[in-house]
Amino acid sequence: MTVQSILGAILIGAVIGAIGRLLLPGKQAIGWILTIVVGIVAALLGTLLAQVLGVETTPGIDWIELVMQVVLAIVGVGLVAGLRRGSKV
């Protein structure tokens, strides 16, 4: 892995996580660093899921893969926010 690929993953994860957090209704009790981590995981899982399902890789933006990543980010942010809310009794 190169520094460029690591920085790219962080950047993509930040964008995916932020979009997922913005689309999730209500206030989420997680910080931006955790949002970026959730976004990175969602981006990786979304890419893996797209490959497993046989989604074609196209030049430019792969919209189906992007939607999968954002949906996974929404679910991830919701789960993490719920777990953090539940731990603050």
Protein backbone atom coordinates (compact mmCIF):
# COMPACT_ATOMS: atom_id res chain seq x y z
CA MET A 1 0.00 0.00 0.00
CA THR A 2 1.28 3.41 -0.89
CA VAL A 3 0.85 6.65 0.99
CA GLN A 4 -1.31 7.87 -1.90
CA SER A 5 -3.69 4.90 -1.63
CA ILE A 6 -3.96 5.33 2.15
CA LEU A 7 -4.72 9.05 1.79
CA GLY A 8 -7.22 8.23 -0.96
CA ALA A 9 -8.99 5.70 1.30
CA ILE A 10 -9.17 8.28 4.10
CA LEU A 11 -10.54 10.92 1.74
CA ILE A 12 -13.12 8.59 0.20
CA GLY A 13 -14.04 7.31 3.67
CA ALA A 14 -14.52 10.85 4.93
CA VAL A 15 -16.83 11.71 2.04
CA ILE A 16 -18.81 8.45 2.27
CA GLY A 17 -19.09 8.75 6.06
CA ALA A 18 -20.18 12.39 5.88
CA ILE A 19 -22.83 11.61 3.25
CA GLY A 20 -24.09 8.69 5.34
CA ARG A 21 -24.22 10.85 8.45
CA LEU A 22 -26.03 13.66 6.64
CA LEU A 23 -28.64 11.30 5.20
CA LEU A 24 -29.34 9.64 8.56
CA PRO A 25 -32.17 11.50 10.30
CA GLY A 26 -31.63 12.87 13.79
CA LYS A 27 -28.51 13.75 15.71
CA GLN A 28 -25.73 11.18 15.89
CA ALA A 29 -23.63 11.03 19.03
CA ILE A 30 -20.36 10.24 17.24
CA GLY A 31 -17.44 12.45 16.30
CA TRP A 32 -16.01 13.14 12.89
CA ILE A 33 -13.04 10.79 13.32
CA LEU A 34 -15.38 7.89 14.06
CA THR A 35 -17.54 8.99 11.12
CA ILE A 36 -14.48 8.79 8.85
CA VAL A 37 -13.63 5.33 10.19
CA VAL A 38 -17.20 4.16 9.55
CA GLY A 39 -16.98 5.69 6.06
CA ILE A 40 -13.72 3.89 5.29
CA VAL A 41 -15.19 0.56 6.41
CA ALA A 42 -18.39 1.22 4.43
CA ALA A 43 -16.39 2.14 1.32
CA LEU A 44 -14.33 -1.06 1.55
CA LEU A 45 -17.36 -3.26 2.25
CA GLY A 46 -19.37 -1.57 -0.51
CA THR A 47 -16.60 -2.21 -3.01
CA LEU A 48 -16.31 -5.83 -1.90
CA LEU A 49 -20.09 -6.31 -2.09
CA ALA A 50 -20.20 -4.78 -5.57
CA GLN A 51 -17.46 -7.15 -6.73
CA VAL A 52 -19.21 -10.19 -5.22
CA LEU A 53 -22.49 -9.20 -6.90
CA GLY A 54 -20.72 -8.73 -10.23
CA VAL A 55 -21.31 -5.00 -10.60
CA GLU A 56 -19.37 -3.80 -13.62
CA THR A 57 -16.45 -1.46 -13.07
CA THR A 58 -16.82 1.47 -15.42
CA PRO A 59 -14.65 4.44 -16.27
CA GLY A 60 -15.76 7.35 -14.12
CA ILE A 61 -18.13 7.01 -11.19
CA ASP A 62 -19.58 3.59 -10.41
CA TRP A 63 -23.00 4.74 -9.22
CA ILE A 64 -24.25 1.36 -8.03
CA GLU A 65 -21.13 0.82 -5.94
CA LEU A 66 -21.37 4.36 -4.57
CA VAL A 67 -24.99 3.81 -3.50
CA MET A 68 -23.99 0.57 -1.77
CA GLN A 69 -21.19 2.39 0.07
CA VAL A 70 -23.48 5.21 1.20
CA VAL A 71 -26.20 2.81 2.38
CA LEU A 72 -23.59 0.86 4.35
CA ALA A 73 -22.31 4.15 5.82
CA ILE A 74 -25.84 5.11 6.89
CA VAL A 75 -26.27 1.73 8.58
CA GLY A 76 -22.80 1.95 10.14
CA VAL A 77 -23.28 5.45 11.50
CA GLY A 78 -26.67 4.45 12.89
CA LEU A 79 -25.24 1.35 14.58
CA VAL A 80 -22.26 3.17 16.07
CA ALA A 81 -24.41 6.08 17.26
CA GLY A 82 -26.87 3.63 18.82
CA LEU A 83 -24.12 1.69 20.56
CA ARG A 84 -22.54 4.87 21.90
CA ARG A 85 -25.91 6.17 23.09
CA GLY A 86 -26.64 2.86 24.79
CA SER A 87 -23.30 2.84 26.63
CA LYS A 88 -23.95 6.24 28.27
CA VAL A 89 -26.51 5.09 30.84
